[in-house]
Amino acid sequence: MEIQTAVVNLSALAHEGRLSIFRLLVTAGPEGIAAGDIARHVASPPSTTTANLHILAQAGLVTSRRDGRSIIYTACYAVMRDLLAYLMEDCCSGSPEICAPLAAIASQCCVAEGACT
């Protein structure tokens, strides 16, 4: 990952509403959540939710698909994984105990490969 991409991703997540939406979508899994349901879950007006989803999509962190009259949003797990790897690639400096808690959390993840590649 290039530093510019990491900055764009982190900038998109550096907002309480967008971070809440992204965490909700990560929890939802590959099936995603409809835009209206996202707004209700995060207790945000639909217009604000749409603006936040647009910023997350521009950063490559979420994708959308139409399902009838609904737009379903899904977290881009590949982008999230690349961002986390970028942040951790120089971690530990020979002291694996520093990153051990993070490795344990990462090993619990069960997301399908290739989402939003």
PDB file of N, CA and C in Angstrom:
ATOM      1  N   MET A   1       0.850  -1.172   0.000  1.00  0.00           N
ATOM      2  CA  MET A   1       0.000   0.000   0.000  1.00  0.00           C
ATOM      3  C   MET A   1       0.892   1.231   0.000  1.00  0.00           C
ATOM      4  N   GLU A   2       0.515   2.210  -0.787  1.00  0.00           N
ATOM      5  CA  GLU A   2       1.220   3.482  -0.835  1.00  0.00           C
ATOM      6  C   GLU A   2       0.761   4.358   0.334  1.00  0.00           C
ATOM      7  N   ILE A   3       1.648   5.226   0.769  1.00  0.00           N
ATOM      8  CA  ILE A   3       1.319   6.096   1.898  1.00  0.00           C
ATOM      9  C   ILE A   3       0.109   6.981   1.589  1.00  0.00           C
ATOM     10  N   GLN A   4      -0.037   7.436   0.328  1.00  0.00           N
ATOM     11  CA  GLN A   4      -1.165   8.286  -0.032  1.00  0.00           C
ATOM     12  C   GLN A   4      -2.488   7.538   0.136  1.00  0.00           C
ATOM     13  N   THR A   5      -2.504   6.264  -0.225  1.00  0.00           N
ATOM     14  CA  THR A   5      -3.707   5.444  -0.066  1.00  0.00           C
ATOM     15  C   THR A   5      -4.039   5.278   1.413  1.00  0.00           C
ATOM     16  N   ALA A   6      -3.019   5.031   2.221  1.00  0.00           N
ATOM     17  CA  ALA A   6      -3.231   4.883   3.663  1.00  0.00           C
ATOM     18  C   ALA A   6      -3.800   6.171   4.250  1.00  0.00           C
ATOM     19  N   VAL A   7      -3.299   7.314   3.815  1.00  0.00           N
ATOM     20  CA  VAL A   7      -3.787   8.600   4.317  1.00  0.00           C
ATOM     21  C   VAL A   7      -5.252   8.795   3.939  1.00  0.00           C
ATOM     22  N   VAL A   8      -5.613   8.468   2.702  1.00  0.00           N
ATOM     23  CA  VAL A   8      -7.010   8.597   2.265  1.00  0.00           C
ATOM     24  C   VAL A   8      -7.904   7.684   3.099  1.00  0.00           C
ATOM     25  N   ASN A   9      -7.486   6.432   3.298  1.00  0.00           N
ATOM     26  CA  ASN A   9      -8.275   5.494   4.097  1.00  0.00           C
ATOM     27  C   ASN A   9      -8.436   5.974   5.529  1.00  0.00           C
ATOM     28  N   LEU A  10      -7.335   6.381   6.134  1.00  0.00           N
ATOM     29  CA  LEU A  10      -7.386   6.826   7.522  1.00  0.00           C
ATOM     30  C   LEU A  10      -8.186   8.118   7.666  1.00  0.00           C
ATOM     31  N   SER A  11      -8.084   9.005   6.691  1.00  0.00           N
ATOM     32  CA  SER A  11      -8.866  10.247   6.727  1.00  0.00           C
ATOM     33  C   SER A  11     -10.354   9.951   6.685  1.00  0.00           C
ATOM     34  N   ALA A  12     -10.740   8.985   5.857  1.00  0.00           N
ATOM     35  CA  ALA A  12     -12.156   8.619   5.770  1.00  0.00           C
ATOM     36  C   ALA A  12     -12.659   8.039   7.089  1.00  0.00           C
ATOM     37  N   LEU A  13     -11.810   7.327   7.783  1.00  0.00           N
ATOM     38  CA  LEU A  13     -12.209   6.708   9.046  1.00  0.00           C
ATOM     39  C   LEU A  13     -12.092   7.659  10.241  1.00  0.00           C
ATOM     40  N   ALA A  14     -11.457   8.804  10.049  1.00  0.00           N
ATOM     41  CA  ALA A  14     -11.203   9.744  11.144  1.00  0.00           C
ATOM     42  C   ALA A  14     -12.403  10.647  11.411  1.00  0.00           C
ATOM     43  N   HIS A  15     -13.559  10.023  11.536  1.00  0.00           N
ATOM     44  CA  HIS A  15     -14.806  10.746  11.811  1.00  0.00           C
ATOM     45  C   HIS A  15     -15.706   9.770  12.551  1.00  0.00           C
ATOM     46  N   GLU A  16     -16.288  10.221  13.628  1.00  0.00           N
ATOM     47  CA  GLU A  16     -17.089   9.327  14.476  1.00  0.00           C
ATOM     48  C   GLU A  16     -18.189   8.607  13.700  1.00  0.00           C
ATOM     49  N   GLY A  17     -18.918   9.326  12.880  1.00  0.00           N
ATOM     50  CA  GLY A  17     -20.017   8.718  12.123  1.00  0.00           C
ATOM     51  C   GLY A  17     -19.529   7.705  11.109  1.00  0.00           C
ATOM     52  N   ARG A  18     -18.472   8.056  10.366  1.00  0.00           N
ATOM     53  CA  ARG A  18     -17.956   7.131   9.348  1.00  0.00           C
ATOM     54  C   ARG A  18     -17.328   5.904   9.987  1.00  0.00           C
ATOM     55  N   LEU A  19     -16.619   6.102  11.080  1.00  0.00           N
ATOM     56  CA  LEU A  19     -16.027   4.953  11.771  1.00  0.00           C
ATOM     57  C   LEU A  19     -17.120   4.028  12.303  1.00  0.00           C
ATOM     58  N   SER A  20     -18.187   4.588  12.834  1.00  0.00           N
ATOM     59  CA  SER A  20     -19.309   3.767  13.315  1.00  0.00           C
ATOM     60  C   SER A  20     -19.938   2.977  12.176  1.00  0.00           C
ATOM     61  N   ILE A  21     -20.117   3.622  11.039  1.00  0.00           N
ATOM     62  CA  ILE A  21     -20.687   2.936   9.877  1.00  0.00           C
ATOM     63  C   ILE A  21     -19.761   1.825   9.417  1.00  0.00           C
ATOM     64  N   PHE A  22     -18.473   2.116   9.309  1.00  0.00           N
ATOM     65  CA  PHE A  22     -17.531   1.101   8.841  1.00  0.00           C
ATOM     66  C   PHE A  22     -17.496  -0.099   9.785  1.00  0.00           C
ATOM     67  N   ARG A  23     -17.467   0.155  11.078  1.00  0.00           N
ATOM     68  CA  ARG A  23     -17.460  -0.955  12.050  1.00  0.00           C
ATOM     69  C   ARG A  23     -18.751  -1.775  11.957  1.00  0.00           C
ATOM     70  N   LEU A  24     -19.865  -1.116  11.730  1.00  0.00           N
ATOM     71  CA  LEU A  24     -21.133  -1.821  11.542  1.00  0.00           C
ATOM     72  C   LEU A  24     -21.065  -2.720  10.312  1.00  0.00           C
ATOM     73  N   LEU A  25     -20.525  -2.192   9.212  1.00  0.00           N
ATOM     74  CA  LEU A  25     -20.435  -2.987   7.987  1.00  0.00           C
ATOM     75  C   LEU A  25     -19.453  -4.144   8.128  1.00  0.00           C
ATOM     76  N   VAL A  26     -18.376  -3.940   8.847  1.00  0.00           N
ATOM     77  CA  VAL A  26     -17.428  -5.034   9.090  1.00  0.00           C
ATOM     78  C   VAL A  26     -18.129  -6.151   9.854  1.00  0.00           C
ATOM     79  N   THR A  27     -18.928  -5.773  10.840  1.00  0.00           N
ATOM     80  CA  THR A  27     -19.675  -6.748  11.639  1.00  0.00           C
ATOM     81  C   THR A  27     -20.729  -7.468  10.807  1.00  0.00           C
ATOM     82  N   ALA A  28     -21.329  -6.755   9.859  1.00  0.00           N
ATOM     83  CA  ALA A  28     -22.416  -7.328   9.048  1.00  0.00           C
ATOM     84  C   ALA A  28     -21.942  -8.452   8.134  1.00  0.00           C
ATOM     85  N   GLY A  29     -20.695  -8.423   7.747  1.00  0.00           N
ATOM     86  CA  GLY A  29     -20.179  -9.460   6.868  1.00  0.00           C
ATOM     87  C   GLY A  29     -20.450  -9.171   5.405  1.00  0.00           C
ATOM     88  N   PRO A  30     -20.153 -10.137   4.556  1.00  0.00           N
ATOM     89  CA  PRO A  30     -20.242  -9.953   3.112  1.00  0.00           C
ATOM     90  C   PRO A  30     -21.652  -9.675   2.585  1.00  0.00           C
ATOM     91  N   GLU A  31     -22.684 -10.011   3.355  1.00  0.00           N
ATOM     92  CA  GLU A  31     -24.045  -9.735   2.879  1.00  0.00           C
ATOM     93  C   GLU A  31     -24.389  -8.255   2.948  1.00  0.00           C
ATOM     94  N   GLY A  32     -23.707  -7.492   3.807  1.00  0.00           N
ATOM     95  CA  GLY A  32     -23.901  -6.053   3.876  1.00  0.00           C
ATOM     96  C   GLY A  32     -25.195  -5.632   4.540  1.00  0.00           C
ATOM     97  N   ILE A  33     -25.464  -4.324   4.480  1.00  0.00           N
ATOM     98  CA  ILE A  33     -26.651  -3.744   5.112  1.00  0.00           C
ATOM     99  C   ILE A  33     -27.195  -2.659   4.192  1.00  0.00           C
ATOM    100  N   ALA A  34     -28.508  -2.555   4.142  1.00  0.00           N
ATOM    101  CA  ALA A  34     -29.155  -1.509   3.347  1.00  0.00           C
ATOM    102  C   ALA A  34     -28.881  -0.143   3.960  1.00  0.00           C
ATOM    103  N   ALA A  35     -28.797   0.873   3.100  1.00  0.00           N
ATOM    104  CA  ALA A  35     -28.474   2.230   3.539  1.00  0.00           C
ATOM    105  C   ALA A  35     -29.427   2.733   4.623  1.00  0.00           C
ATOM    106  N   GLY A  36     -30.712   2.502   4.464  1.00  0.00           N
ATOM    107  CA  GLY A  36     -31.683   2.945   5.462  1.00  0.00           C
ATOM    108  C   GLY A  36     -31.473   2.276   6.806  1.00  0.00           C
ATOM    109  N   ASP A  37     -31.126   0.994   6.781  1.00  0.00           N
ATOM    110  CA  ASP A  37     -30.859   0.277   8.030  1.00  0.00           C
ATOM    111  C   ASP A  37     -29.589   0.791   8.698  1.00  0.00           C
ATOM    112  N   ILE A  38     -28.592   1.169   7.881  1.00  0.00           N
ATOM    113  CA  ILE A  38     -27.372   1.744   8.439  1.00  0.00           C
ATOM    114  C   ILE A  38     -27.713   3.031   9.186  1.00  0.00           C
ATOM    115  N   ALA A  39     -28.510   3.894   8.557  1.00  0.00           N
ATOM    116  CA  ALA A  39     -28.886   5.159   9.183  1.00  0.00           C
ATOM    117  C   ALA A  39     -29.588   4.919  10.522  1.00  0.00           C
ATOM    118  N   ARG A  40     -30.484   3.932  10.562  1.00  0.00           N
ATOM    119  CA  ARG A  40     -31.184   3.630  11.815  1.00  0.00           C
ATOM    120  C   ARG A  40     -30.224   3.096  12.873  1.00  0.00           C
ATOM    121  N   HIS A  41     -29.313   2.205  12.476  1.00  0.00           N
ATOM    122  CA  HIS A  41     -28.361   1.627  13.432  1.00  0.00           C
ATOM    123  C   HIS A  41     -27.443   2.679  14.055  1.00  0.00           C
ATOM    124  N   VAL A  42     -27.012   3.638  13.259  1.00  0.00           N
ATOM    125  CA  VAL A  42     -26.085   4.642  13.783  1.00  0.00           C
ATOM    126  C   VAL A  42     -26.796   5.917  14.231  1.00  0.00           C
ATOM    127  N   ALA A  43     -28.130   5.890  14.168  1.00  0.00           N
ATOM    128  CA  ALA A  43     -28.958   7.024  14.597  1.00  0.00           C
ATOM    129  C   ALA A  43     -28.507   8.333  13.942  1.00  0.00           C
ATOM    130  N   SER A  44     -28.461   8.278  12.624  1.00  0.00           N
ATOM    131  CA  SER A  44     -28.016   9.425  11.844  1.00  0.00           C
ATOM    132  C   SER A  44     -29.049   9.724  10.765  1.00  0.00           C
ATOM    133  N   PRO A  45     -29.250  10.977  10.411  1.00  0.00           N
ATOM    134  CA  PRO A  45     -30.181  11.288   9.326  1.00  0.00           C
ATOM    135  C   PRO A  45     -29.736  10.608   8.028  1.00  0.00           C
ATOM    136  N   PRO A  46     -30.691  10.185   7.206  1.00  0.00           N
ATOM    137  CA  PRO A  46     -30.331   9.514   5.946  1.00  0.00           C
ATOM    138  C   PRO A  46     -29.366  10.321   5.071  1.00  0.00           C
ATOM    139  N   SER A  47     -29.535  11.638   5.007  1.00  0.00           N
ATOM    140  CA  SER A  47     -28.640  12.441   4.166  1.00  0.00           C
ATOM    141  C   SER A  47     -27.207  12.428   4.695  1.00  0.00           C
ATOM    142  N   THR A  48     -27.046  12.473   6.003  1.00  0.00           N
ATOM    143  CA  THR A  48     -25.717  12.410   6.612  1.00  0.00           C
ATOM    144  C   THR A  48     -25.097  11.043   6.382  1.00  0.00           C
ATOM    145  N   THR A  49     -25.905  10.004   6.540  1.00  0.00           N
ATOM    146  CA  THR A  49     -25.424   8.639   6.310  1.00  0.00           C
ATOM    147  C   THR A  49     -24.974   8.477   4.870  1.00  0.00           C
ATOM    148  N   THR A  50     -25.754   8.991   3.938  1.00  0.00           N
ATOM    149  CA  THR A  50     -25.392   8.899   2.520  1.00  0.00           C
ATOM    150  C   THR A  50     -24.074   9.614   2.256  1.00  0.00           C
ATOM    151  N   ALA A  51     -23.903  10.797   2.822  1.00  0.00           N
ATOM    152  CA  ALA A  51     -22.651  11.542   2.641  1.00  0.00           C
ATOM    153  C   ALA A  51     -21.469  10.767   3.221  1.00  0.00           C
ATOM    154  N   ASN A  52     -21.653  10.185   4.396  1.00  0.00           N
ATOM    155  CA  ASN A  52     -20.579   9.402   5.015  1.00  0.00           C
ATOM    156  C   ASN A  52     -20.263   8.152   4.205  1.00  0.00           C
ATOM    157  N   LEU A  53     -21.281   7.483   3.695  1.00  0.00           N
ATOM    158  CA  LEU A  53     -21.057   6.305   2.862  1.00  0.00           C
ATOM    159  C   LEU A  53     -20.323   6.669   1.579  1.00  0.00           C
ATOM    160  N   HIS A  54     -20.640   7.829   1.029  1.00  0.00           N
ATOM    161  CA  HIS A  54     -19.956   8.286  -0.186  1.00  0.00           C
ATOM    162  C   HIS A  54     -18.464   8.492   0.079  1.00  0.00           C
ATOM    163  N   ILE A  55     -18.128   9.103   1.194  1.00  0.00           N
ATOM    164  CA  ILE A  55     -16.722   9.324   1.547  1.00  0.00           C
ATOM    165  C   ILE A  55     -16.010   7.989   1.751  1.00  0.00           C
ATOM    166  N   LEU A  56     -16.655   7.059   2.437  1.00  0.00           N
ATOM    167  CA  LEU A  56     -16.058   5.729   2.630  1.00  0.00           C
ATOM    168  C   LEU A  56     -15.874   5.003   1.307  1.00  0.00           C
ATOM    169  N   ALA A  57     -16.837   5.153   0.400  1.00  0.00           N
ATOM    170  CA  ALA A  57     -16.739   4.509  -0.915  1.00  0.00           C
ATOM    171  C   ALA A  57     -15.615   5.140  -1.739  1.00  0.00           C
ATOM    172  N   GLN A  58     -15.501   6.474  -1.696  1.00  0.00           N
ATOM    173  CA  GLN A  58     -14.428   7.159  -2.429  1.00  0.00           C
ATOM    174  C   GLN A  58     -13.059   6.700  -1.942  1.00  0.00           C
ATOM    175  N   ALA A  59     -12.951   6.369  -0.666  1.00  0.00           N
ATOM    176  CA  ALA A  59     -11.697   5.889  -0.091  1.00  0.00           C
ATOM    177  C   ALA A  59     -11.467   4.410  -0.389  1.00  0.00           C
ATOM    178  N   GLY A  60     -12.470   3.745  -0.958  1.00  0.00           N
ATOM    179  CA  GLY A  60     -12.344   2.328  -1.280  1.00  0.00           C
ATOM    180  C   GLY A  60     -12.647   1.395  -0.129  1.00  0.00           C
ATOM    181  N   LEU A  61     -13.188   1.929   0.958  1.00  0.00           N
ATOM    182  CA  LEU A  61     -13.442   1.121   2.148  1.00  0.00           C
ATOM    183  C   LEU A  61     -14.777   0.390   2.123  1.00  0.00           C
ATOM    184  N   VAL A  62     -15.712   0.863   1.309  1.00  0.00           N
ATOM    185  CA  VAL A  62     -17.010   0.193   1.181  1.00  0.00           C
ATOM    186  C   VAL A  62     -17.387   0.123  -0.292  1.00  0.00           C
ATOM    187  N   THR A  63     -18.249  -0.803  -0.588  1.00  0.00           N
ATOM    188  CA  THR A  63     -18.808  -0.932  -1.922  1.00  0.00           C
ATOM    189  C   THR A  63     -20.316  -1.040  -1.789  1.00  0.00           C
ATOM    190  N   SER A  64     -21.017  -0.804  -2.884  1.00  0.00           N
ATOM    191  CA  SER A  64     -22.480  -0.873  -2.831  1.00  0.00           C
ATOM    192  C   SER A  64     -23.001  -1.668  -4.008  1.00  0.00           C
ATOM    193  N   ARG A  65     -24.202  -2.188  -3.821  1.00  0.00           N
ATOM    194  CA  ARG A  65     -24.902  -2.893  -4.894  1.00  0.00           C
ATOM    195  C   ARG A  65     -26.392  -2.641  -4.721  1.00  0.00           C
ATOM    196  N   ARG A  66     -27.093  -2.648  -5.818  1.00  0.00           N
ATOM    197  CA  ARG A  66     -28.540  -2.451  -5.771  1.00  0.00           C
ATOM    198  C   ARG A  66     -29.210  -3.804  -5.570  1.00  0.00           C
ATOM    199  N   ASP A  67     -30.201  -3.811  -4.692  1.00  0.00           N
ATOM    200  CA  ASP A  67     -31.022  -5.001  -4.454  1.00  0.00           C
ATOM    201  C   ASP A  67     -32.470  -4.521  -4.428  1.00  0.00           C
ATOM    202  N   GLY A  68     -33.123  -4.582  -5.591  1.00  0.00           N
ATOM    203  CA  GLY A  68     -34.473  -4.038  -5.698  1.00  0.00           C
ATOM    204  C   GLY A  68     -34.422  -2.534  -5.529  1.00  0.00           C
ATOM    205  N   ARG A  69     -35.150  -2.031  -4.553  1.00  0.00           N
ATOM    206  CA  ARG A  69     -35.166  -0.591  -4.296  1.00  0.00           C
ATOM    207  C   ARG A  69     -34.118  -0.159  -3.276  1.00  0.00           C
ATOM    208  N   SER A  70     -33.398  -1.099  -2.717  1.00  0.00           N
ATOM    209  CA  SER A  70     -32.405  -0.793  -1.690  1.00  0.00           C
ATOM    210  C   SER A  70     -30.996  -0.775  -2.272  1.00  0.00           C
ATOM    211  N   ILE A  71     -30.149   0.025  -1.634  1.00  0.00           N
ATOM    212  CA  ILE A  71     -28.720  -0.016  -1.923  1.00  0.00           C
ATOM    213  C   ILE A  71     -28.059  -0.664  -0.714  1.00  0.00           C
ATOM    214  N   ILE A  72     -27.368  -1.755  -0.977  1.00  0.00           N
ATOM    215  CA  ILE A  72     -26.718  -2.528   0.080  1.00  0.00           C
ATOM    216  C   ILE A  72     -25.237  -2.168   0.094  1.00  0.00           C
ATOM    217  N   TYR A  73     -24.738  -1.829   1.256  1.00  0.00           N
ATOM    218  CA  TYR A  73     -23.326  -1.478   1.422  1.00  0.00           C
ATOM    219  C   TYR A  73     -22.592  -2.601   2.138  1.00  0.00           C
ATOM    220  N   THR A  74     -21.361  -2.819   1.710  1.00  0.00           N
ATOM    221  CA  THR A  74     -20.510  -3.868   2.268  1.00  0.00           C
ATOM    222  C   THR A  74     -19.122  -3.300   2.516  1.00  0.00           C
ATOM    223  N   ALA A  75     -18.505  -3.701   3.607  1.00  0.00           N
ATOM    224  CA  ALA A  75     -17.123  -3.312   3.879  1.00  0.00           C
ATOM    225  C   ALA A  75     -16.199  -4.015   2.893  1.00  0.00           C
ATOM    226  N   CYS A  76     -15.175  -3.324   2.452  1.00  0.00           N
ATOM    227  CA  CYS A  76     -14.160  -3.917   1.568  1.00  0.00           C
ATOM    228  C   CYS A  76     -13.055  -4.493   2.452  1.00  0.00           C
ATOM    229  N   TYR A  77     -13.174  -5.767   2.742  1.00  0.00           N
ATOM    230  CA  TYR A  77     -12.258  -6.417   3.665  1.00  0.00           C
ATOM    231  C   TYR A  77     -10.831  -6.441   3.149  1.00  0.00           C
ATOM    232  N   ALA A  78     -10.641  -6.552   1.845  1.00  0.00           N
ATOM    233  CA  ALA A  78      -9.286  -6.564   1.290  1.00  0.00           C
ATOM    234  C   ALA A  78      -8.587  -5.230   1.538  1.00  0.00           C
ATOM    235  N   VAL A  79      -9.318  -4.130   1.396  1.00  0.00           N
ATOM    236  CA  VAL A  79      -8.741  -2.809   1.649  1.00  0.00           C
ATOM    237  C   VAL A  79      -8.437  -2.649   3.136  1.00  0.00           C
ATOM    238  N   MET A  80      -9.366  -3.100   3.976  1.00  0.00           N
ATOM    239  CA  MET A  80      -9.146  -3.036   5.419  1.00  0.00           C
ATOM    240  C   MET A  80      -7.911  -3.854   5.796  1.00  0.00           C
ATOM    241  N   ARG A  81      -7.796  -5.038   5.243  1.00  0.00           N
ATOM    242  CA  ARG A  81      -6.656  -5.915   5.533  1.00  0.00           C
ATOM    243  C   ARG A  81      -5.354  -5.251   5.077  1.00  0.00           C
ATOM    244  N   ASP A  82      -5.360  -4.642   3.884  1.00  0.00           N
ATOM    245  CA  ASP A  82      -4.156  -3.982   3.379  1.00  0.00           C
ATOM    246  C   ASP A  82      -3.768  -2.796   4.262  1.00  0.00           C
ATOM    247  N   LEU A  83      -4.755  -2.035   4.729  1.00  0.00           N
ATOM    248  CA  LEU A  83      -4.474  -0.900   5.599  1.00  0.00           C
ATOM    249  C   LEU A  83      -3.880  -1.377   6.924  1.00  0.00           C
ATOM    250  N   LEU A  84      -4.472  -2.395   7.508  1.00  0.00           N
ATOM    251  CA  LEU A  84      -3.953  -2.919   8.771  1.00  0.00           C
ATOM    252  C   LEU A  84      -2.547  -3.490   8.597  1.00  0.00           C
ATOM    253  N   ALA A  85      -2.320  -4.177   7.487  1.00  0.00           N
ATOM    254  CA  ALA A  85      -0.986  -4.721   7.214  1.00  0.00           C
ATOM    255  C   ALA A  85       0.026  -3.593   7.056  1.00  0.00           C
ATOM    256  N   TYR A  86      -0.366  -2.528   6.359  1.00  0.00           N
ATOM    257  CA  TYR A  86       0.516  -1.381   6.181  1.00  0.00           C
ATOM    258  C   TYR A  86       0.886  -0.769   7.534  1.00  0.00           C
ATOM    259  N   LEU A  87      -0.096  -0.633   8.400  1.00  0.00           N
ATOM    260  CA  LEU A  87       0.159  -0.037   9.710  1.00  0.00           C
ATOM    261  C   LEU A  87       1.045  -0.912  10.592  1.00  0.00           C
ATOM    262  N   MET A  88       1.004  -2.216  10.340  1.00  0.00           N
ATOM    263  CA  MET A  88       1.731  -3.137  11.205  1.00  0.00           C
ATOM    264  C   MET A  88       2.998  -3.705  10.583  1.00  0.00           C
ATOM    265  N   GLU A  89       3.302  -3.378   9.343  1.00  0.00           N
ATOM    266  CA  GLU A  89       4.393  -4.079   8.669  1.00  0.00           C
ATOM    267  C   GLU A  89       5.745  -3.889   9.338  1.00  0.00           C
ATOM    268  N   ASP A  90       5.967  -2.836  10.043  1.00  0.00           N
ATOM    269  CA  ASP A  90       7.238  -2.628  10.742  1.00  0.00           C
ATOM    270  C   ASP A  90       7.088  -2.800  12.256  1.00  0.00           C
ATOM    271  N   CYS A  91       6.024  -3.460  12.654  1.00  0.00           N
ATOM    272  CA  CYS A  91       5.721  -3.633  14.069  1.00  0.00           C
ATOM    273  C   CYS A  91       6.705  -4.579  14.748  1.00  0.00           C
ATOM    274  N   CYS A  92       6.874  -4.387  15.993  1.00  0.00           N
ATOM    275  CA  CYS A  92       7.540  -5.295  16.921  1.00  0.00           C
ATOM    276  C   CYS A  92       9.040  -5.078  17.081  1.00  0.00           C
ATOM    277  N   SER A  93       9.766  -4.764  16.024  1.00  0.00           N
ATOM    278  CA  SER A  93      11.217  -4.561  16.124  1.00  0.00           C
ATOM    279  C   SER A  93      11.897  -5.668  16.928  1.00  0.00           C
ATOM    280  N   GLY A  94      11.556  -6.899  16.623  1.00  0.00           N
ATOM    281  CA  GLY A  94      12.172  -8.023  17.313  1.00  0.00           C
ATOM    282  C   GLY A  94      11.512  -8.373  18.632  1.00  0.00           C
ATOM    283  N   SER A  95      10.410  -7.748  18.960  1.00  0.00           N
ATOM    284  CA  SER A  95       9.696  -8.034  20.204  1.00  0.00           C
ATOM    285  C   SER A  95       8.268  -8.463  19.870  1.00  0.00           C
ATOM    286  N   PRO A  96       8.059  -9.726  19.508  1.00  0.00           N
ATOM    287  CA  PRO A  96       6.742 -10.178  19.060  1.00  0.00           C
ATOM    288  C   PRO A  96       5.633 -10.005  20.090  1.00  0.00           C
ATOM    289  N   GLU A  97       5.966  -9.882  21.360  1.00  0.00           N
ATOM    290  CA  GLU A  97       4.930  -9.709  22.376  1.00  0.00           C
ATOM    291  C   GLU A  97       4.173  -8.388  22.197  1.00  0.00           C
ATOM    292  N   ILE A  98       4.782  -7.434  21.525  1.00  0.00           N
ATOM    293  CA  ILE A  98       4.120  -6.152  21.282  1.00  0.00           C
ATOM    294  C   ILE A  98       2.876  -6.352  20.418  1.00  0.00           C
ATOM    295  N   CYS A  99       2.999  -7.161  19.373  1.00  0.00           N
ATOM    296  CA  CYS A  99       1.900  -7.347  18.421  1.00  0.00           C
ATOM    297  C   CYS A  99       1.069  -8.597  18.681  1.00  0.00           C
ATOM    298  N   ALA A 100       1.421  -9.382  19.674  1.00  0.00           N
ATOM    299  CA  ALA A 100       0.698 -10.629  19.945  1.00  0.00           C
ATOM    300  C   ALA A 100      -0.804 -10.416  20.138  1.00  0.00           C
ATOM    301  N   PRO A 101      -1.247  -9.411  20.890  1.00  0.00           N
ATOM    302  CA  PRO A 101      -2.700  -9.219  21.034  1.00  0.00           C
ATOM    303  C   PRO A 101      -3.381  -8.923  19.698  1.00  0.00           C
ATOM    304  N   LEU A 102      -2.721  -8.174  18.832  1.00  0.00           N
ATOM    305  CA  LEU A 102      -3.296  -7.877  17.524  1.00  0.00           C
ATOM    306  C   LEU A 102      -3.365  -9.117  16.649  1.00  0.00           C
ATOM    307  N   ALA A 103      -2.335  -9.935  16.713  1.00  0.00           N
ATOM    308  CA  ALA A 103      -2.325 -11.178  15.934  1.00  0.00           C
ATOM    309  C   ALA A 103      -3.451 -12.098  16.391  1.00  0.00           C
ATOM    310  N   ALA A 104      -3.711 -12.130  17.681  1.00  0.00           N
ATOM    311  CA  ALA A 104      -4.794 -12.967  18.201  1.00  0.00           C
ATOM    312  C   ALA A 104      -6.144 -12.496  17.682  1.00  0.00           C
ATOM    313  N   ILE A 105      -6.356 -11.190  17.646  1.00  0.00           N
ATOM    314  CA  ILE A 105      -7.606 -10.642  17.127  1.00  0.00           C
ATOM    315  C   ILE A 105      -7.736 -10.962  15.643  1.00  0.00           C
ATOM    316  N   ALA A 106      -6.653 -10.759  14.893  1.00  0.00           N
ATOM    317  CA  ALA A 106      -6.682 -11.017  13.451  1.00  0.00           C
ATOM    318  C   ALA A 106      -6.964 -12.476  13.142  1.00  0.00           C
ATOM    319  N   SER A 107      -6.477 -13.379  13.967  1.00  0.00           N
ATOM    320  CA  SER A 107      -6.687 -14.802  13.700  1.00  0.00           C
ATOM    321  C   SER A 107      -8.135 -15.227  13.893  1.00  0.00           C
ATOM    322  N   GLN A 108      -8.942 -14.414  14.570  1.00  0.00           N
ATOM    323  CA  GLN A 108     -10.347 -14.724  14.788  1.00  0.00           C
ATOM    324  C   GLN A 108     -11.227 -14.304  13.612  1.00  0.00           C
ATOM    325  N   CYS A 109     -10.653 -13.540  12.707  1.00  0.00           N
ATOM    326  CA  CYS A 109     -11.425 -13.015  11.577  1.00  0.00           C
ATOM    327  C   CYS A 109     -11.785 -14.143  10.606  1.00  0.00           C
ATOM    328  N   CYS A 110     -13.029 -14.107  10.127  1.00  0.00           N
ATOM    329  CA  CYS A 110     -13.477 -15.203   9.265  1.00  0.00           C
ATOM    330  C   CYS A 110     -14.053 -14.672   7.954  1.00  0.00           C
ATOM    331  N   VAL A 111     -13.527 -13.576   7.442  1.00  0.00           N
ATOM    332  CA  VAL A 111     -14.030 -12.952   6.232  1.00  0.00           C
ATOM    333  C   VAL A 111     -13.504 -13.677   5.005  1.00  0.00           C
ATOM    334  N   ALA A 112     -14.376 -13.835   4.028  1.00  0.00           N
ATOM    335  CA  ALA A 112     -13.987 -14.484   2.787  1.00  0.00           C
ATOM    336  C   ALA A 112     -12.897 -13.697   2.090  1.00  0.00           C
ATOM    337  N   GLU A 113     -11.985 -14.408   1.448  1.00  0.00           N
ATOM    338  CA  GLU A 113     -10.916 -13.786   0.682  1.00  0.00           C
ATOM    339  C   GLU A 113     -11.457 -13.022  -0.500  1.00  0.00           C
ATOM    340  N   GLY A 114     -10.810 -11.938  -0.843  1.00  0.00           N
ATOM    341  CA  GLY A 114     -11.092 -11.257  -2.080  1.00  0.00           C
ATOM    342  C   GLY A 114     -12.229 -10.245  -2.051  1.00  0.00           C
ATOM    343  N   ALA A 115     -12.861 -10.001  -0.921  1.00  0.00           N
ATOM    344  CA  ALA A 115     -13.950  -9.042  -0.887  1.00  0.00           C
ATOM    345  C   ALA A 115     -13.415  -7.663  -1.253  1.00  0.00           C
ATOM    346  N   CYS A 116     -13.964  -7.074  -2.306  1.00  0.00           N
ATOM    347  CA  CYS A 116     -13.600  -5.737  -2.803  1.00  0.00           C
ATOM    348  C   CYS A 116     -12.154  -5.662  -3.266  1.00  0.00           C
ATOM    349  N   THR A 117     -11.660  -6.660  -3.891  1.00  0.00           N
ATOM    350  CA  THR A 117     -10.283  -6.594  -4.394  1.00  0.00           C
ATOM    351  C   THR A 117     -10.204  -5.735  -5.611  1.00  0.00           C
TER     352      THR A 117
END
